[in-house]
């Protein structure tokens, strides 16, 4: 079981591998929260427009929550954005619908780019151990896929990837050169949630979130193992890709 890094969705070779997709700020962190709060299925859209089309045509009679972001903020006609803390607060006031449609700038297109892999899972520090343990059970080679920013590599996901590499190595995986490089580059910055939060805040994407007053989201996304729930990608009978709870 060997671990390698794909720096963006354009670098991934999914065939025969397990793909662990990271969008630490914030899509895969949000997915962990939604699954923990009882959401059964998260339909993935690669754009805002695709999410609208999916909601209009999805043959589900029950309530559907459409969430996501453009430039870190939810479109006006969406039911929610891409803030894990917002959904935690919402879940305390009301039960979340069992079906969600999600479209983000980076995380959802990256998950969709991995279709064809043996197993595809979103991963974040908040559900690190649960996801790593599930991935390791399959004994496939593992590609940690960084969502980056609009298809380009981004340091916030490298930071989280280093944390995942460390956990996988502890679980017995062999590191490729790319995985070893990421781990050694960022080891001092994920020693604890405080150091990881500080490092994430300094990244380009972290600065974007700060400008939109999402500092608390960054602090939340830097915490490890708050959630013992994980999920994986499936395809429904109509060919739509969705994340379901394990």
Foldseek 3Di string as FASTA:
>chain_A
DEEAEQLALVRDDQAQAEEAEEDLVPQLVLVLLCVLLQQFKEFFDAAPVRLVVCVVPPPDPDDEAEEEDDLQATDPPHNYYGFNVVVVVVSVVDRDDNHYYYYYQFRRVSQVSNPNHPWYWYDAQQQQVLVLVVRVVVVTYYYYHYRDGNGGGWVLSLLRLLVNLVVNVVVPHHYDPNNVVSVVVNVVQLPALVSSLVVNCPTPVVVSCVVVVNSVRSSVRSHHHNGNWIWIWDADPVRTIITGTD
